[in-house]
Amino acid sequence: MSDKTRTQNQDEWKRTQIRIPVTLYEEIAEHAKKDNLSLNTAMLDLIEKGLDKKDISIDSKTLDKFQSLNEKIEKLTKLIDQKI
């Protein structure tokens, strides 16, 4: 979401205050400085990115491959344990 969109729709926004550890604040401030963002925009950017990661889903084919690899790793681990 662009800064312009954010400022145009301020009546649709909710104001809030949060308490965060100083180290986290400093990381956010550094992100803002690096990307030339306001602190508020940097926080929104990071929150949106975090929420997007939560929505990542794995298709069934990939999940099947992962489970198959996991089973192979377990078998190999058992073989290694038997030889030791």
PDB file of N, CA and C in Angstrom:
ATOM      1  N   MET A   1       0.851  -1.179   0.000  1.00  0.00           N
ATOM      2  CA  MET A   1       0.000   0.000   0.000  1.00  0.00           C
ATOM      3  C   MET A   1       0.892   1.235   0.000  1.00  0.00           C
ATOM      4  N   SER A   2       0.598   2.184  -0.829  1.00  0.00           N
ATOM      5  CA  SER A   2       1.435   3.376  -0.948  1.00  0.00           C
ATOM      6  C   SER A   2       1.098   4.389   0.134  1.00  0.00           C
ATOM      7  N   ASP A   3       2.040   5.305   0.388  1.00  0.00           N
ATOM      8  CA  ASP A   3       1.810   6.380   1.353  1.00  0.00           C
ATOM      9  C   ASP A   3       0.607   7.220   0.946  1.00  0.00           C
ATOM     10  N   LYS A   4       0.455   7.435  -0.360  1.00  0.00           N
ATOM     11  CA  LYS A   4      -0.647   8.256  -0.858  1.00  0.00           C
ATOM     12  C   LYS A   4      -1.986   7.617  -0.499  1.00  0.00           C
ATOM     13  N   THR A   5      -2.094   6.306  -0.686  1.00  0.00           N
ATOM     14  CA  THR A   5      -3.333   5.601  -0.342  1.00  0.00           C
ATOM     15  C   THR A   5      -3.582   5.703   1.155  1.00  0.00           C
ATOM     16  N   ARG A   6      -2.539   5.578   1.937  1.00  0.00           N
ATOM     17  CA  ARG A   6      -2.691   5.650   3.387  1.00  0.00           C
ATOM     18  C   ARG A   6      -3.209   7.012   3.812  1.00  0.00           C
ATOM     19  N   THR A   7      -2.675   8.100   3.252  1.00  0.00           N
ATOM     20  CA  THR A   7      -3.089   9.434   3.682  1.00  0.00           C
ATOM     21  C   THR A   7      -4.472   9.795   3.156  1.00  0.00           C
ATOM     22  N   GLN A   8      -4.867   9.252   2.039  1.00  0.00           N
ATOM     23  CA  GLN A   8      -6.179   9.576   1.484  1.00  0.00           C
ATOM     24  C   GLN A   8      -7.317   8.943   2.271  1.00  0.00           C
ATOM     25  N   ASN A   9      -7.064   7.850   2.953  1.00  0.00           N
ATOM     26  CA  ASN A   9      -8.122   7.115   3.629  1.00  0.00           C
ATOM     27  C   ASN A   9      -7.977   7.131   5.151  1.00  0.00           C
ATOM     28  N   GLN A  10      -7.489   8.218   5.720  1.00  0.00           N
ATOM     29  CA  GLN A  10      -7.230   8.260   7.157  1.00  0.00           C
ATOM     30  C   GLN A  10      -8.481   8.008   8.004  1.00  0.00           C
ATOM     31  N   ASP A  11      -9.660   8.350   7.504  1.00  0.00           N
ATOM     32  CA  ASP A  11     -10.875   8.125   8.276  1.00  0.00           C
ATOM     33  C   ASP A  11     -11.225   6.640   8.373  1.00  0.00           C
ATOM     34  N   GLU A  12     -10.565   5.792   7.582  1.00  0.00           N
ATOM     35  CA  GLU A  12     -10.785   4.351   7.622  1.00  0.00           C
ATOM     36  C   GLU A  12      -9.729   3.643   8.469  1.00  0.00           C
ATOM     37  N   TRP A  13      -8.923   4.409   9.174  1.00  0.00           N
ATOM     38  CA  TRP A  13      -7.813   3.857   9.947  1.00  0.00           C
ATOM     39  C   TRP A  13      -8.131   3.873  11.430  1.00  0.00           C
ATOM     40  N   LYS A  14      -7.513   2.991  12.147  1.00  0.00           N
ATOM     41  CA  LYS A  14      -7.640   2.914  13.603  1.00  0.00           C
ATOM     42  C   LYS A  14      -6.311   3.309  14.223  1.00  0.00           C
ATOM     43  N   ARG A  15      -6.329   4.255  15.141  1.00  0.00           N
ATOM     44  CA  ARG A  15      -5.110   4.655  15.846  1.00  0.00           C
ATOM     45  C   ARG A  15      -4.899   3.739  17.037  1.00  0.00           C
ATOM     46  N   THR A  16      -3.633   3.434  17.314  1.00  0.00           N
ATOM     47  CA  THR A  16      -3.308   2.611  18.475  1.00  0.00           C
ATOM     48  C   THR A  16      -1.907   2.934  18.951  1.00  0.00           C
ATOM     49  N   GLN A  17      -1.618   2.553  20.165  1.00  0.00           N
ATOM     50  CA  GLN A  17      -0.266   2.682  20.707  1.00  0.00           C
ATOM     51  C   GLN A  17       0.207   1.301  21.095  1.00  0.00           C
ATOM     52  N   ILE A  18       1.506   1.064  20.920  1.00  0.00           N
ATOM     53  CA  ILE A  18       2.064  -0.217  21.345  1.00  0.00           C
ATOM     54  C   ILE A  18       3.340   0.025  22.140  1.00  0.00           C
ATOM     55  N   ARG A  19       3.682  -0.946  22.968  1.00  0.00           N
ATOM     56  CA  ARG A  19       4.968  -0.939  23.661  1.00  0.00           C
ATOM     57  C   ARG A  19       5.796  -2.046  23.042  1.00  0.00           C
ATOM     58  N   ILE A  20       7.007  -1.702  22.648  1.00  0.00           N
ATOM     59  CA  ILE A  20       7.897  -2.703  22.054  1.00  0.00           C
ATOM     60  C   ILE A  20       9.281  -2.566  22.685  1.00  0.00           C
ATOM     61  N   PRO A  21      10.032  -3.640  22.704  1.00  0.00           N
ATOM     62  CA  PRO A  21      11.399  -3.561  23.232  1.00  0.00           C
ATOM     63  C   PRO A  21      12.244  -2.588  22.411  1.00  0.00           C
ATOM     64  N   VAL A  22      13.188  -1.944  23.088  1.00  0.00           N
ATOM     65  CA  VAL A  22      14.049  -0.959  22.434  1.00  0.00           C
ATOM     66  C   VAL A  22      14.778  -1.578  21.240  1.00  0.00           C
ATOM     67  N   THR A  23      15.242  -2.802  21.391  1.00  0.00           N
ATOM     68  CA  THR A  23      15.987  -3.432  20.286  1.00  0.00           C
ATOM     69  C   THR A  23      15.104  -3.616  19.049  1.00  0.00           C
ATOM     70  N   LEU A  24      13.839  -3.978  19.248  1.00  0.00           N
ATOM     71  CA  LEU A  24      12.926  -4.139  18.119  1.00  0.00           C
ATOM     72  C   LEU A  24      12.630  -2.783  17.481  1.00  0.00           C
ATOM     73  N   TYR A  25      12.448  -1.763  18.317  1.00  0.00           N
ATOM     74  CA  TYR A  25      12.227  -0.412  17.808  1.00  0.00           C
ATOM     75  C   TYR A  25      13.403   0.017  16.933  1.00  0.00           C
ATOM     76  N   GLU A  26      14.607  -0.259  17.408  1.00  0.00           N
ATOM     77  CA  GLU A  26      15.805   0.119  16.651  1.00  0.00           C
ATOM     78  C   GLU A  26      15.877  -0.608  15.311  1.00  0.00           C
ATOM     79  N   GLU A  27      15.480  -1.885  15.289  1.00  0.00           N
ATOM     80  CA  GLU A  27      15.466  -2.628  14.024  1.00  0.00           C
ATOM     81  C   GLU A  27      14.452  -2.034  13.055  1.00  0.00           C
ATOM     82  N   ILE A  28      13.296  -1.665  13.572  1.00  0.00           N
ATOM     83  CA  ILE A  28      12.263  -1.056  12.720  1.00  0.00           C
ATOM     84  C   ILE A  28      12.742   0.293  12.199  1.00  0.00           C
ATOM     85  N   ALA A  29      13.357   1.074  13.070  1.00  0.00           N
ATOM     86  CA  ALA A  29      13.870   2.392  12.665  1.00  0.00           C
ATOM     87  C   ALA A  29      14.946   2.233  11.590  1.00  0.00           C
ATOM     88  N   GLU A  30      15.789   1.221  11.725  1.00  0.00           N
ATOM     89  CA  GLU A  30      16.817   0.979  10.711  1.00  0.00           C
ATOM     90  C   GLU A  30      16.181   0.571   9.378  1.00  0.00           C
ATOM     91  N   HIS A  31      15.150  -0.276   9.437  1.00  0.00           N
ATOM     92  CA  HIS A  31      14.418  -0.666   8.218  1.00  0.00           C
ATOM     93  C   HIS A  31      13.828   0.581   7.558  1.00  0.00           C
ATOM     94  N   ALA A  32      13.252   1.467   8.366  1.00  0.00           N
ATOM     95  CA  ALA A  32      12.647   2.691   7.838  1.00  0.00           C
ATOM     96  C   ALA A  32      13.704   3.565   7.162  1.00  0.00           C
ATOM     97  N   LYS A  33      14.830   3.721   7.828  1.00  0.00           N
ATOM     98  CA  LYS A  33      15.899   4.562   7.274  1.00  0.00           C
ATOM     99  C   LYS A  33      16.449   3.976   5.979  1.00  0.00           C
ATOM    100  N   LYS A  34      16.676   2.658   5.990  1.00  0.00           N
ATOM    101  CA  LYS A  34      17.245   1.981   4.815  1.00  0.00           C
ATOM    102  C   LYS A  34      16.328   2.125   3.599  1.00  0.00           C
ATOM    103  N   ASP A  35      15.012   2.009   3.830  1.00  0.00           N
ATOM    104  CA  ASP A  35      14.051   2.062   2.727  1.00  0.00           C
ATOM    105  C   ASP A  35      13.421   3.439   2.552  1.00  0.00           C
ATOM    106  N   ASN A  36      13.963   4.438   3.269  1.00  0.00           N
ATOM    107  CA  ASN A  36      13.465   5.818   3.188  1.00  0.00           C
ATOM    108  C   ASN A  36      11.959   5.901   3.478  1.00  0.00           C
ATOM    109  N   LEU A  37      11.549   5.285   4.599  1.00  0.00           N
ATOM    110  CA  LEU A  37      10.152   5.257   5.007  1.00  0.00           C
ATOM    111  C   LEU A  37       9.975   5.972   6.332  1.00  0.00           C
ATOM    112  N   SER A  38       8.773   6.431   6.590  1.00  0.00           N
ATOM    113  CA  SER A  38       8.484   6.919   7.935  1.00  0.00           C
ATOM    114  C   SER A  38       8.449   5.712   8.861  1.00  0.00           C
ATOM    115  N   LEU A  39       8.559   5.947  10.151  1.00  0.00           N
ATOM    116  CA  LEU A  39       8.522   4.850  11.106  1.00  0.00           C
ATOM    117  C   LEU A  39       7.176   4.120  11.031  1.00  0.00           C
ATOM    118  N   ASN A  40       6.103   4.876  10.905  1.00  0.00           N
ATOM    119  CA  ASN A  40       4.772   4.281  10.813  1.00  0.00           C
ATOM    120  C   ASN A  40       4.647   3.398   9.568  1.00  0.00           C
ATOM    121  N   THR A  41       5.107   3.908   8.431  1.00  0.00           N
ATOM    122  CA  THR A  41       5.035   3.141   7.185  1.00  0.00           C
ATOM    123  C   THR A  41       5.909   1.899   7.264  1.00  0.00           C
ATOM    124  N   ALA A  42       7.070   2.022   7.902  1.00  0.00           N
ATOM    125  CA  ALA A  42       7.946   0.856   8.069  1.00  0.00           C
ATOM    126  C   ALA A  42       7.253  -0.213   8.909  1.00  0.00           C
ATOM    127  N   MET A  43       6.583   0.195   9.987  1.00  0.00           N
ATOM    128  CA  MET A  43       5.866  -0.771  10.824  1.00  0.00           C
ATOM    129  C   MET A  43       4.759  -1.463  10.031  1.00  0.00           C
ATOM    130  N   LEU A  44       4.012  -0.700   9.266  1.00  0.00           N
ATOM    131  CA  LEU A  44       2.948  -1.288   8.455  1.00  0.00           C
ATOM    132  C   LEU A  44       3.521  -2.244   7.409  1.00  0.00           C
ATOM    133  N   ASP A  45       4.622  -1.851   6.799  1.00  0.00           N
ATOM    134  CA  ASP A  45       5.287  -2.690   5.801  1.00  0.00           C
ATOM    135  C   ASP A  45       5.700  -4.025   6.417  1.00  0.00           C
ATOM    136  N   LEU A  46       6.326  -3.978   7.568  1.00  0.00           N
ATOM    137  CA  LEU A  46       6.794  -5.202   8.223  1.00  0.00           C
ATOM    138  C   LEU A  46       5.624  -6.067   8.699  1.00  0.00           C
ATOM    139  N   ILE A  47       4.579  -5.439   9.202  1.00  0.00           N
ATOM    140  CA  ILE A  47       3.399  -6.200   9.631  1.00  0.00           C
ATOM    141  C   ILE A  47       2.768  -6.906   8.438  1.00  0.00           C
ATOM    142  N   GLU A  48       2.609  -6.169   7.323  1.00  0.00           N
ATOM    143  CA  GLU A  48       2.018  -6.771   6.124  1.00  0.00           C
ATOM    144  C   GLU A  48       2.861  -7.936   5.615  1.00  0.00           C
ATOM    145  N   LYS A  49       4.175  -7.775   5.613  1.00  0.00           N
ATOM    146  CA  LYS A  49       5.054  -8.854   5.164  1.00  0.00           C
ATOM    147  C   LYS A  49       4.930 -10.068   6.073  1.00  0.00           C
ATOM    148  N   GLY A  50       4.845  -9.825   7.375  1.00  0.00           N
ATOM    149  CA  GLY A  50       4.688 -10.926   8.324  1.00  0.00           C
ATOM    150  C   GLY A  50       3.372 -11.658   8.140  1.00  0.00           C
ATOM    151  N   LEU A  51       2.313 -10.921   7.901  1.00  0.00           N
ATOM    152  CA  LEU A  51       1.008 -11.550   7.690  1.00  0.00           C
ATOM    153  C   LEU A  51       0.974 -12.315   6.378  1.00  0.00           C
ATOM    154  N   ASP A  52       1.663 -11.803   5.353  1.00  0.00           N
ATOM    155  CA  ASP A  52       1.724 -12.514   4.073  1.00  0.00           C
ATOM    156  C   ASP A  52       2.413 -13.856   4.229  1.00  0.00           C
ATOM    157  N   LYS A  53       3.466 -13.925   5.043  1.00  0.00           N
ATOM    158  CA  LYS A  53       4.182 -15.180   5.253  1.00  0.00           C
ATOM    159  C   LYS A  53       3.286 -16.211   5.914  1.00  0.00           C
ATOM    160  N   LYS A  54       2.397 -15.757   6.752  1.00  0.00           N
ATOM    161  CA  LYS A  54       1.502 -16.673   7.451  1.00  0.00           C
ATOM    162  C   LYS A  54       0.562 -17.382   6.478  1.00  0.00           C
ATOM    163  N   ASP A  55       0.266 -16.737   5.370  1.00  0.00           N
ATOM    164  CA  ASP A  55      -0.686 -17.288   4.413  1.00  0.00           C
ATOM    165  C   ASP A  55      -0.057 -18.232   3.388  1.00  0.00           C
ATOM    166  N   ILE A  56       1.221 -18.500   3.519  1.00  0.00           N
ATOM    167  CA  ILE A  56       1.890 -19.384   2.566  1.00  0.00           C
ATOM    168  C   ILE A  56       1.346 -20.797   2.736  1.00  0.00           C
ATOM    169  N   SER A  57       0.925 -21.389   1.643  1.00  0.00           N
ATOM    170  CA  SER A  57       0.420 -22.752   1.724  1.00  0.00           C
ATOM    171  C   SER A  57       1.253 -23.646   0.807  1.00  0.00           C
ATOM    172  N   ILE A  58       1.252 -24.914   1.132  1.00  0.00           N
ATOM    173  CA  ILE A  58       2.010 -25.884   0.344  1.00  0.00           C
ATOM    174  C   ILE A  58       1.013 -26.758  -0.397  1.00  0.00           C
ATOM    175  N   ASP A  59       1.217 -26.891  -1.701  1.00  0.00           N
ATOM    176  CA  ASP A  59       0.319 -27.742  -2.470  1.00  0.00           C
ATOM    177  C   ASP A  59       0.570 -29.206  -2.094  1.00  0.00           C
ATOM    178  N   SER A  60      -0.401 -30.050  -2.380  1.00  0.00           N
ATOM    179  CA  SER A  60      -0.330 -31.452  -1.954  1.00  0.00           C
ATOM    180  C   SER A  60       0.848 -32.196  -2.572  1.00  0.00           C
ATOM    181  N   LYS A  61       1.212 -31.869  -3.807  1.00  0.00           N
ATOM    182  CA  LYS A  61       2.343 -32.534  -4.460  1.00  0.00           C
ATOM    183  C   LYS A  61       3.650 -32.232  -3.711  1.00  0.00           C
ATOM    184  N   THR A  62       3.843 -30.974  -3.351  1.00  0.00           N
ATOM    185  CA  THR A  62       5.037 -30.584  -2.602  1.00  0.00           C
ATOM    186  C   THR A  62       5.033 -31.223  -1.227  1.00  0.00           C
ATOM    187  N   LEU A  63       3.880 -31.251  -0.587  1.00  0.00           N
ATOM    188  CA  LEU A  63       3.762 -31.872   0.728  1.00  0.00           C
ATOM    189  C   LEU A  63       4.097 -33.364   0.658  1.00  0.00           C
ATOM    190  N   ASP A  64       3.619 -34.043  -0.383  1.00  0.00           N
ATOM    191  CA  ASP A  64       3.926 -35.466  -0.570  1.00  0.00           C
ATOM    192  C   ASP A  64       5.430 -35.682  -0.730  1.00  0.00           C
ATOM    193  N   LYS A  65       6.077 -34.808  -1.509  1.00  0.00           N
ATOM    194  CA  LYS A  65       7.527 -34.927  -1.699  1.00  0.00           C
ATOM    195  C   LYS A  65       8.253 -34.718  -0.371  1.00  0.00           C
ATOM    196  N   PHE A  66       7.808 -33.744   0.380  1.00  0.00           N
ATOM    197  CA  PHE A  66       8.417 -33.468   1.672  1.00  0.00           C
ATOM    198  C   PHE A  66       8.275 -34.667   2.609  1.00  0.00           C
ATOM    199  N   GLN A  67       7.085 -35.242   2.658  1.00  0.00           N
ATOM    200  CA  GLN A  67       6.853 -36.404   3.516  1.00  0.00           C
ATOM    201  C   GLN A  67       7.700 -37.592   3.071  1.00  0.00           C
ATOM    202  N   SER A  68       7.829 -37.786   1.770  1.00  0.00           N
ATOM    203  CA  SER A  68       8.641 -38.871   1.241  1.00  0.00           C
ATOM    204  C   SER A  68      10.105 -38.677   1.631  1.00  0.00           C
ATOM    205  N   LEU A  69      10.598 -37.453   1.489  1.00  0.00           N
ATOM    206  CA  LEU A  69      11.983 -37.169   1.881  1.00  0.00           C
ATOM    207  C   LEU A  69      12.177 -37.384   3.377  1.00  0.00           C
ATOM    208  N   ASN A  70      11.204 -36.980   4.153  1.00  0.00           N
ATOM    209  CA  ASN A  70      11.286 -37.154   5.600  1.00  0.00           C
ATOM    210  C   ASN A  70      11.361 -38.640   5.965  1.00  0.00           C
ATOM    211  N   GLU A  71      10.569 -39.460   5.289  1.00  0.00           N
ATOM    212  CA  GLU A  71      10.600 -40.907   5.532  1.00  0.00           C
ATOM    213  C   GLU A  71      11.965 -41.489   5.171  1.00  0.00           C
ATOM    214  N   LYS A  72      12.532 -41.033   4.053  1.00  0.00           N
ATOM    215  CA  LYS A  72      13.852 -41.511   3.638  1.00  0.00           C
ATOM    216  C   LYS A  72      14.920 -41.104   4.653  1.00  0.00           C
ATOM    217  N   ILE A  73      14.820 -39.913   5.161  1.00  0.00           N
ATOM    218  CA  ILE A  73      15.777 -39.449   6.168  1.00  0.00           C
ATOM    219  C   ILE A  73      15.676 -40.309   7.425  1.00  0.00           C
ATOM    220  N   GLU A  74      14.448 -40.624   7.832  1.00  0.00           N
ATOM    221  CA  GLU A  74      14.256 -41.483   9.008  1.00  0.00           C
ATOM    222  C   GLU A  74      14.878 -42.869   8.787  1.00  0.00           C
ATOM    223  N   LYS A  75      14.681 -43.439   7.597  1.00  0.00           N
ATOM    224  CA  LYS A  75      15.257 -44.752   7.288  1.00  0.00           C
ATOM    225  C   LYS A  75      16.783 -44.693   7.312  1.00  0.00           C
ATOM    226  N   LEU A  76      17.338 -43.660   6.707  1.00  0.00           N
ATOM    227  CA  LEU A  76      18.791 -43.508   6.705  1.00  0.00           C
ATOM    228  C   LEU A  76      19.330 -43.329   8.127  1.00  0.00           C
ATOM    229  N   THR A  77      18.625 -42.576   8.923  1.00  0.00           N
ATOM    230  CA  THR A  77      19.044 -42.377  10.312  1.00  0.00           C
ATOM    231  C   THR A  77      19.066 -43.695  11.065  1.00  0.00           C
ATOM    232  N   LYS A  78      18.044 -44.533  10.846  1.00  0.00           N
ATOM    233  CA  LYS A  78      17.992 -45.845  11.500  1.00  0.00           C
ATOM    234  C   LYS A  78      19.151 -46.721  11.036  1.00  0.00           C
ATOM    235  N   LEU A  79      19.446 -46.709   9.738  1.00  0.00           N
ATOM    236  CA  LEU A  79      20.574 -47.499   9.217  1.00  0.00           C
ATOM    237  C   LEU A  79      21.894 -47.039   9.817  1.00  0.00           C
ATOM    238  N   ILE A  80      22.067 -45.751   9.911  1.00  0.00           N
ATOM    239  CA  ILE A  80      23.300 -45.216  10.495  1.00  0.00           C
ATOM    240  C   ILE A  80      23.410 -45.621  11.964  1.00  0.00           C
ATOM    241  N   ASP A  81      22.295 -45.518  12.689  1.00  0.00           N
ATOM    242  CA  ASP A  81      22.287 -45.899  14.095  1.00  0.00           C
ATOM    243  C   ASP A  81      22.626 -47.380  14.278  1.00  0.00           C
ATOM    244  N   GLN A  82      22.158 -48.218  13.379  1.00  0.00           N
ATOM    245  CA  GLN A  82      22.427 -49.662  13.475  1.00  0.00           C
ATOM    246  C   GLN A  82      23.911 -49.972  13.255  1.00  0.00           C
ATOM    247  N   LYS A  83      24.556 -49.187  12.390  1.00  0.00           N
ATOM    248  CA  LYS A  83      25.961 -49.434  12.078  1.00  0.00           C
ATOM    249  C   LYS A  83      26.896 -48.876  13.140  1.00  0.00           C
ATOM    250  N   ILE A  84      26.402 -48.003  13.939  1.00  0.00           N
ATOM    251  CA  ILE A  84      27.270 -47.375  14.969  1.00  0.00           C
ATOM    252  C   ILE A  84      27.306 -48.215  16.222  1.00  0.00           C
TER     253      ILE A  84
END
